Amino acid sequence: MYKVIRSLWPLLLLGLLVNTAYSVMWPLTTIYLHHNLNLRLVISGMILAAYSGFNVLGGYLGGVLTDLFHAKRWGSAN
């Protein structure tokens, strides 16, 4: 297990950076929707929640389709 984690550390680090960038993006997007588009904060939050929900749904659907079509394995991890 330690060997697998050691070989995946760049992927884990980049995943952490991407998630950090997303967590910084949400408040800025809310401010933009509220001030520039004149939407109420509740509506802005609902838009961002729907976006997040569709991201989860897309990830799930991508995984199901990958399993359905027997996607090729990349790399030499066993």
PDB file of N, CA and C in Angstrom:
ATOM      1  N   MET A   1       0.819  -1.193   0.000  1.00  0.00           N
ATOM      2  CA  MET A   1       0.000   0.000   0.000  1.00  0.00           C
ATOM      3  C   MET A   1       0.865   1.260   0.000  1.00  0.00           C
ATOM      4  N   TYR A   2       1.931   1.249   0.792  1.00  0.00           N
ATOM      5  CA  TYR A   2       2.817   2.409   0.866  1.00  0.00           C
ATOM      6  C   TYR A   2       3.465   2.677  -0.485  1.00  0.00           C
ATOM      7  N   LYS A   3       3.795   1.600  -1.212  1.00  0.00           N
ATOM      8  CA  LYS A   3       4.419   1.739  -2.525  1.00  0.00           C
ATOM      9  C   LYS A   3       3.469   2.416  -3.522  1.00  0.00           C
ATOM     10  N   VAL A   4       2.195   2.076  -3.453  1.00  0.00           N
ATOM     11  CA  VAL A   4       1.209   2.687  -4.346  1.00  0.00           C
ATOM     12  C   VAL A   4       1.044   4.166  -4.026  1.00  0.00           C
ATOM     13  N   ILE A   5       0.953   4.504  -2.753  1.00  0.00           N
ATOM     14  CA  ILE A   5       0.803   5.908  -2.358  1.00  0.00           C
ATOM     15  C   ILE A   5       2.042   6.705  -2.762  1.00  0.00           C
ATOM     16  N   ARG A   6       3.212   6.090  -2.616  1.00  0.00           N
ATOM     17  CA  ARG A   6       4.434   6.772  -3.007  1.00  0.00           C
ATOM     18  C   ARG A   6       4.484   7.053  -4.495  1.00  0.00           C
ATOM     19  N   SER A   7       3.949   6.142  -5.301  1.00  0.00           N
ATOM     20  CA  SER A   7       3.976   6.356  -6.742  1.00  0.00           C
ATOM     21  C   SER A   7       2.896   7.334  -7.195  1.00  0.00           C
ATOM     22  N   LEU A   8       1.887   7.570  -6.361  1.00  0.00           N
ATOM     23  CA  LEU A   8       0.793   8.465  -6.732  1.00  0.00           C
ATOM     24  C   LEU A   8       0.883   9.845  -6.085  1.00  0.00           C
ATOM     25  N   TRP A   9       1.968  10.168  -5.403  1.00  0.00           N
ATOM     26  CA  TRP A   9       2.030  11.429  -4.673  1.00  0.00           C
ATOM     27  C   TRP A   9       1.859  12.651  -5.575  1.00  0.00           C
ATOM     28  N   PRO A  10       2.353  12.663  -6.837  1.00  0.00           N
ATOM     29  CA  PRO A  10       2.079  13.863  -7.654  1.00  0.00           C
ATOM     30  C   PRO A  10       0.585  14.046  -7.931  1.00  0.00           C
ATOM     31  N   LEU A  11      -0.113  12.948  -8.160  1.00  0.00           N
ATOM     32  CA  LEU A  11      -1.551  13.031  -8.410  1.00  0.00           C
ATOM     33  C   LEU A  11      -2.294  13.521  -7.171  1.00  0.00           C
ATOM     34  N   LEU A  12      -1.903  13.044  -6.002  1.00  0.00           N
ATOM     35  CA  LEU A  12      -2.528  13.478  -4.761  1.00  0.00           C
ATOM     36  C   LEU A  12      -2.259  14.958  -4.490  1.00  0.00           C
ATOM     37  N   LEU A  13      -1.050  15.407  -4.761  1.00  0.00           N
ATOM     38  CA  LEU A  13      -0.707  16.808  -4.558  1.00  0.00           C
ATOM     39  C   LEU A  13      -1.489  17.706  -5.512  1.00  0.00           C
ATOM     40  N   LEU A  14      -1.579  17.324  -6.775  1.00  0.00           N
ATOM     41  CA  LEU A  14      -2.330  18.118  -7.738  1.00  0.00           C
ATOM     42  C   LEU A  14      -3.823  18.122  -7.415  1.00  0.00           C
ATOM     43  N   GLY A  15      -4.343  17.000  -6.934  1.00  0.00           N
ATOM     44  CA  GLY A  15      -5.736  16.958  -6.502  1.00  0.00           C
ATOM     45  C   GLY A  15      -5.996  17.924  -5.362  1.00  0.00           C
ATOM     46  N   LEU A  16      -5.081  18.006  -4.429  1.00  0.00           N
ATOM     47  CA  LEU A  16      -5.199  18.948  -3.322  1.00  0.00           C
ATOM     48  C   LEU A  16      -5.184  20.393  -3.823  1.00  0.00           C
ATOM     49  N   LEU A  17      -4.300  20.686  -4.778  1.00  0.00           N
ATOM     50  CA  LEU A  17      -4.230  22.045  -5.321  1.00  0.00           C
ATOM     51  C   LEU A  17      -5.498  22.419  -6.082  1.00  0.00           C
ATOM     52  N   VAL A  18      -6.050  21.489  -6.856  1.00  0.00           N
ATOM     53  CA  VAL A  18      -7.278  21.765  -7.603  1.00  0.00           C
ATOM     54  C   VAL A  18      -8.439  22.005  -6.649  1.00  0.00           C
ATOM     55  N   ASN A  19      -8.559  21.192  -5.620  1.00  0.00           N
ATOM     56  CA  ASN A  19      -9.644  21.380  -4.660  1.00  0.00           C
ATOM     57  C   ASN A  19      -9.490  22.679  -3.883  1.00  0.00           C
ATOM     58  N   THR A  20      -8.264  23.074  -3.601  1.00  0.00           N
ATOM     59  CA  THR A  20      -8.028  24.357  -2.945  1.00  0.00           C
ATOM     60  C   THR A  20      -8.449  25.513  -3.856  1.00  0.00           C
ATOM     61  N   ALA A  21      -8.128  25.401  -5.138  1.00  0.00           N
ATOM     62  CA  ALA A  21      -8.524  26.449  -6.085  1.00  0.00           C
ATOM     63  C   ALA A  21     -10.042  26.541  -6.183  1.00  0.00           C
ATOM     64  N   TYR A  22     -10.739  25.402  -6.184  1.00  0.00           N
ATOM     65  CA  TYR A  22     -12.198  25.430  -6.230  1.00  0.00           C
ATOM     66  C   TYR A  22     -12.777  26.084  -4.981  1.00  0.00           C
ATOM     67  N   SER A  23     -12.192  25.812  -3.828  1.00  0.00           N
ATOM     68  CA  SER A  23     -12.734  26.401  -2.605  1.00  0.00           C
ATOM     69  C   SER A  23     -12.508  27.902  -2.558  1.00  0.00           C
ATOM     70  N   VAL A  24     -11.510  28.418  -3.261  1.00  0.00           N
ATOM     71  CA  VAL A  24     -11.308  29.855  -3.365  1.00  0.00           C
ATOM     72  C   VAL A  24     -12.258  30.452  -4.408  1.00  0.00           C
ATOM     73  N   MET A  25     -12.590  29.662  -5.430  1.00  0.00           N
ATOM     74  CA  MET A  25     -13.420  30.158  -6.520  1.00  0.00           C
ATOM     75  C   MET A  25     -14.874  30.393  -6.098  1.00  0.00           C
ATOM     76  N   TRP A  26     -15.417  29.564  -5.215  1.00  0.00           N
ATOM     77  CA  TRP A  26     -16.847  29.671  -4.873  1.00  0.00           C
ATOM     78  C   TRP A  26     -17.233  31.011  -4.265  1.00  0.00           C
ATOM     79  N   PRO A  27     -16.500  31.534  -3.287  1.00  0.00           N
ATOM     80  CA  PRO A  27     -16.890  32.856  -2.758  1.00  0.00           C
ATOM     81  C   PRO A  27     -16.786  33.963  -3.799  1.00  0.00           C
ATOM     82  N   LEU A  28     -15.769  33.895  -4.665  1.00  0.00           N
ATOM     83  CA  LEU A  28     -15.632  34.911  -5.701  1.00  0.00           C
ATOM     84  C   LEU A  28     -16.774  34.831  -6.711  1.00  0.00           C
ATOM     85  N   THR A  29     -17.180  33.616  -7.056  1.00  0.00           N
ATOM     86  CA  THR A  29     -18.298  33.450  -7.974  1.00  0.00           C
ATOM     87  C   THR A  29     -19.585  33.967  -7.353  1.00  0.00           C
ATOM     88  N   THR A  30     -19.773  33.731  -6.072  1.00  0.00           N
ATOM     89  CA  THR A  30     -20.961  34.231  -5.383  1.00  0.00           C
ATOM     90  C   THR A  30     -20.998  35.755  -5.395  1.00  0.00           C
ATOM     91  N   ILE A  31     -19.872  36.378  -5.128  1.00  0.00           N
ATOM     92  CA  ILE A  31     -19.807  37.838  -5.159  1.00  0.00           C
ATOM     93  C   ILE A  31     -20.111  38.357  -6.552  1.00  0.00           C
ATOM     94  N   TYR A  32     -19.563  37.700  -7.572  1.00  0.00           N
ATOM     95  CA  TYR A  32     -19.826  38.123  -8.952  1.00  0.00           C
ATOM     96  C   TYR A  32     -21.308  38.004  -9.290  1.00  0.00           C
ATOM     97  N   LEU A  33     -21.916  36.881  -8.956  1.00  0.00           N
ATOM     98  CA  LEU A  33     -23.338  36.679  -9.252  1.00  0.00           C
ATOM     99  C   LEU A  33     -24.200  37.704  -8.512  1.00  0.00           C
ATOM    100  N   HIS A  34     -23.821  38.023  -7.293  1.00  0.00           N
ATOM    101  CA  HIS A  34     -24.619  38.955  -6.485  1.00  0.00           C
ATOM    102  C   HIS A  34     -24.465  40.399  -6.958  1.00  0.00           C
ATOM    103  N   HIS A  35     -23.235  40.847  -7.150  1.00  0.00           N
ATOM    104  CA  HIS A  35     -23.006  42.264  -7.463  1.00  0.00           C
ATOM    105  C   HIS A  35     -23.176  42.583  -8.948  1.00  0.00           C
ATOM    106  N   ASN A  36     -22.633  41.771  -9.827  1.00  0.00           N
ATOM    107  CA  ASN A  36     -22.660  42.109 -11.257  1.00  0.00           C
ATOM    108  C   ASN A  36     -23.946  41.675 -11.946  1.00  0.00           C
ATOM    109  N   LEU A  37     -24.514  40.547 -11.544  1.00  0.00           N
ATOM    110  CA  LEU A  37     -25.739  40.071 -12.179  1.00  0.00           C
ATOM    111  C   LEU A  37     -26.987  40.403 -11.367  1.00  0.00           C
ATOM    112  N   ASN A  38     -26.792  41.042 -10.231  1.00  0.00           N
ATOM    113  CA  ASN A  38     -27.886  41.476  -9.361  1.00  0.00           C
ATOM    114  C   ASN A  38     -28.803  40.322  -8.939  1.00  0.00           C
ATOM    115  N   LEU A  39     -28.219  39.179  -8.637  1.00  0.00           N
ATOM    116  CA  LEU A  39     -28.989  38.051  -8.125  1.00  0.00           C
ATOM    117  C   LEU A  39     -28.934  38.056  -6.606  1.00  0.00           C
ATOM    118  N   ARG A  40     -30.007  37.586  -5.979  1.00  0.00           N
ATOM    119  CA  ARG A  40     -29.984  37.462  -4.525  1.00  0.00           C
ATOM    120  C   ARG A  40     -28.985  36.378  -4.134  1.00  0.00           C
ATOM    121  N   LEU A  41     -28.475  36.456  -2.919  1.00  0.00           N
ATOM    122  CA  LEU A  41     -27.485  35.485  -2.455  1.00  0.00           C
ATOM    123  C   LEU A  41     -28.061  34.075  -2.410  1.00  0.00           C
ATOM    124  N   VAL A  42     -29.343  33.942  -2.105  1.00  0.00           N
ATOM    125  CA  VAL A  42     -29.973  32.622  -2.065  1.00  0.00           C
ATOM    126  C   VAL A  42     -29.969  32.000  -3.453  1.00  0.00           C
ATOM    127  N   ILE A  43     -30.292  32.784  -4.467  1.00  0.00           N
ATOM    128  CA  ILE A  43     -30.309  32.292  -5.839  1.00  0.00           C
ATOM    129  C   ILE A  43     -28.887  31.936  -6.283  1.00  0.00           C
ATOM    130  N   SER A  44     -27.915  32.765  -5.921  1.00  0.00           N
ATOM    131  CA  SER A  44     -26.519  32.470  -6.249  1.00  0.00           C
ATOM    132  C   SER A  44     -26.086  31.144  -5.627  1.00  0.00           C
ATOM    133  N   GLY A  45     -26.466  30.929  -4.381  1.00  0.00           N
ATOM    134  CA  GLY A  45     -26.135  29.677  -3.709  1.00  0.00           C
ATOM    135  C   GLY A  45     -26.806  28.475  -4.359  1.00  0.00           C
ATOM    136  N   MET A  46     -28.038  28.652  -4.795  1.00  0.00           N
ATOM    137  CA  MET A  46     -28.738  27.554  -5.465  1.00  0.00           C
ATOM    138  C   MET A  46     -28.084  27.220  -6.806  1.00  0.00           C
ATOM    139  N   ILE A  47     -27.628  28.232  -7.528  1.00  0.00           N
ATOM    140  CA  ILE A  47     -26.935  28.003  -8.795  1.00  0.00           C
ATOM    141  C   ILE A  47     -25.640  27.231  -8.554  1.00  0.00           C
ATOM    142  N   LEU A  48     -24.878  27.636  -7.558  1.00  0.00           N
ATOM    143  CA  LEU A  48     -23.623  26.955  -7.261  1.00  0.00           C
ATOM    144  C   LEU A  48     -23.850  25.544  -6.732  1.00  0.00           C
ATOM    145  N   ALA A  49     -24.920  25.335  -5.973  1.00  0.00           N
ATOM    146  CA  ALA A  49     -25.245  23.988  -5.497  1.00  0.00           C
ATOM    147  C   ALA A  49     -25.635  23.084  -6.664  1.00  0.00           C
ATOM    148  N   ALA A  50     -26.408  23.624  -7.619  1.00  0.00           N
ATOM    149  CA  ALA A  50     -26.774  22.840  -8.803  1.00  0.00           C
ATOM    150  C   ALA A  50     -25.526  22.491  -9.614  1.00  0.00           C
ATOM    151  N   TYR A  51     -24.617  23.439  -9.769  1.00  0.00           N
ATOM    152  CA  TYR A  51     -23.370  23.188 -10.485  1.00  0.00           C
ATOM    153  C   TYR A  51     -22.569  22.072  -9.817  1.00  0.00           C
ATOM    154  N   SER A  52     -22.476  22.127  -8.511  1.00  0.00           N
ATOM    155  CA  SER A  52     -21.748  21.105  -7.768  1.00  0.00           C
ATOM    156  C   SER A  52     -22.427  19.746  -7.898  1.00  0.00           C
ATOM    157  N   GLY A  53     -23.756  19.730  -7.836  1.00  0.00           N
ATOM    158  CA  GLY A  53     -24.488  18.478  -7.995  1.00  0.00           C
ATOM    159  C   GLY A  53     -24.293  17.859  -9.373  1.00  0.00           C
ATOM    160  N   PHE A  54     -24.303  18.691 -10.411  1.00  0.00           N
ATOM    161  CA  PHE A  54     -24.070  18.172 -11.758  1.00  0.00           C
ATOM    162  C   PHE A  54     -22.638  17.683 -11.930  1.00  0.00           C
ATOM    163  N   ASN A  55     -21.681  18.287 -11.217  1.00  0.00           N
ATOM    164  CA  ASN A  55     -20.305  17.776 -11.232  1.00  0.00           C
ATOM    165  C   ASN A  55     -20.244  16.368 -10.648  1.00  0.00           C
ATOM    166  N   VAL A  56     -20.934  16.158  -9.538  1.00  0.00           N
ATOM    167  CA  VAL A  56     -20.969  14.824  -8.916  1.00  0.00           C
ATOM    168  C   VAL A  56     -21.639  13.833  -9.852  1.00  0.00           C
ATOM    169  N   LEU A  57     -22.756  14.223 -10.442  1.00  0.00           N
ATOM    170  CA  LEU A  57     -23.470  13.350 -11.365  1.00  0.00           C
ATOM    171  C   LEU A  57     -22.611  13.007 -12.584  1.00  0.00           C
ATOM    172  N   GLY A  58     -21.886  13.973 -13.112  1.00  0.00           N
ATOM    173  CA  GLY A  58     -21.004  13.726 -14.244  1.00  0.00           C
ATOM    174  C   GLY A  58     -19.861  12.785 -13.896  1.00  0.00           C
ATOM    175  N   GLY A  59     -19.299  12.928 -12.707  1.00  0.00           N
ATOM    176  CA  GLY A  59     -18.247  12.010 -12.275  1.00  0.00           C
ATOM    177  C   GLY A  59     -18.761  10.592 -12.114  1.00  0.00           C
ATOM    178  N   TYR A  60     -19.959  10.464 -11.549  1.00  0.00           N
ATOM    179  CA  TYR A  60     -20.568   9.137 -11.391  1.00  0.00           C
ATOM    180  C   TYR A  60     -20.869   8.510 -12.755  1.00  0.00           C
ATOM    181  N   LEU A  61     -21.456   9.291 -13.650  1.00  0.00           N
ATOM    182  CA  LEU A  61     -21.787   8.788 -14.979  1.00  0.00           C
ATOM    183  C   LEU A  61     -20.517   8.405 -15.741  1.00  0.00           C
ATOM    184  N   GLY A  62     -19.466   9.191 -15.607  1.00  0.00           N
ATOM    185  CA  GLY A  62     -18.189   8.849 -16.236  1.00  0.00           C
ATOM    186  C   GLY A  62     -17.633   7.533 -15.711  1.00  0.00           C
ATOM    187  N   GLY A  63     -17.751   7.301 -14.412  1.00  0.00           N
ATOM    188  CA  GLY A  63     -17.293   6.034 -13.839  1.00  0.00           C
ATOM    189  C   GLY A  63     -18.116   4.856 -14.315  1.00  0.00           C
ATOM    190  N   VAL A  64     -19.435   5.028 -14.392  1.00  0.00           N
ATOM    191  CA  VAL A  64     -20.308   3.954 -14.870  1.00  0.00           C
ATOM    192  C   VAL A  64     -19.988   3.619 -16.322  1.00  0.00           C
ATOM    193  N   LEU A  65     -19.815   4.644 -17.155  1.00  0.00           N
ATOM    194  CA  LEU A  65     -19.496   4.394 -18.562  1.00  0.00           C
ATOM    195  C   LEU A  65     -18.123   3.752 -18.730  1.00  0.00           C
ATOM    196  N   THR A  66     -17.168   4.149 -17.886  1.00  0.00           N
ATOM    197  CA  THR A  66     -15.850   3.526 -17.932  1.00  0.00           C
ATOM    198  C   THR A  66     -15.948   2.046 -17.594  1.00  0.00           C
ATOM    199  N   ASP A  67     -16.716   1.699 -16.571  1.00  0.00           N
ATOM    200  CA  ASP A  67     -16.899   0.302 -16.203  1.00  0.00           C
ATOM    201  C   ASP A  67     -17.673  -0.456 -17.272  1.00  0.00           C
ATOM    202  N   LEU A  68     -18.631   0.202 -17.883  1.00  0.00           N
ATOM    203  CA  LEU A  68     -19.467  -0.457 -18.886  1.00  0.00           C
ATOM    204  C   LEU A  68     -18.678  -0.819 -20.129  1.00  0.00           C
ATOM    205  N   PHE A  69     -17.809   0.062 -20.567  1.00  0.00           N
ATOM    206  CA  PHE A  69     -17.054  -0.180 -21.791  1.00  0.00           C
ATOM    207  C   PHE A  69     -15.659  -0.740 -21.539  1.00  0.00           C
ATOM    208  N   HIS A  70     -15.375  -1.183 -20.332  1.00  0.00           N
ATOM    209  CA  HIS A  70     -14.109  -1.828 -19.989  1.00  0.00           C
ATOM    210  C   HIS A  70     -12.919  -1.008 -20.462  1.00  0.00           C
ATOM    211  N   ALA A  71     -12.783   0.168 -19.906  1.00  0.00           N
ATOM    212  CA  ALA A  71     -11.701   1.070 -20.295  1.00  0.00           C
ATOM    213  C   ALA A  71     -10.357   0.430 -20.047  1.00  0.00           C
ATOM    214  N   LYS A  72      -9.383   0.775 -20.883  1.00  0.00           N
ATOM    215  CA  LYS A  72      -8.033   0.227 -20.746  1.00  0.00           C
ATOM    216  C   LYS A  72      -7.377   0.761 -19.493  1.00  0.00           C
ATOM    217  N   ARG A  73      -6.530  -0.034 -18.889  1.00  0.00           N
ATOM    218  CA  ARG A  73      -5.765   0.418 -17.735  1.00  0.00           C
ATOM    219  C   ARG A  73      -4.517   1.116 -18.212  1.00  0.00           C
ATOM    220  N   TRP A  74      -4.158   2.181 -17.528  1.00  0.00           N
ATOM    221  CA  TRP A  74      -2.951   2.924 -17.839  1.00  0.00           C
ATOM    222  C   TRP A  74      -1.937   2.715 -16.740  1.00  0.00           C
ATOM    223  N   GLY A  75      -0.686   2.593 -17.086  1.00  0.00           N
ATOM    224  CA  GLY A  75       0.348   2.425 -16.091  1.00  0.00           C
ATOM    225  C   GLY A  75       0.552   0.956 -15.732  1.00  0.00           C
ATOM    226  N   SER A  76       1.385   0.725 -14.737  1.00  0.00           N
ATOM    227  CA  SER A  76       1.723  -0.638 -14.361  1.00  0.00           C
ATOM    228  C   SER A  76       1.305  -0.974 -12.945  1.00  0.00           C
ATOM    229  N   ALA A  77       0.366  -0.228 -12.363  1.00  0.00           N
ATOM    230  CA  ALA A  77      -0.085  -0.510 -11.006  1.00  0.00           C
ATOM    231  C   ALA A  77      -0.913  -1.801 -10.998  1.00  0.00           C
ATOM    232  N   ASN A  78      -0.594  -2.689 -10.082  1.00  0.00           N
ATOM    233  CA  ASN A  78      -1.315  -3.968  -9.987  1.00  0.00           C
ATOM    234  C   ASN A  78      -2.202  -3.986  -8.788  1.00  0.00           C
TER     235      ASN A  78
END
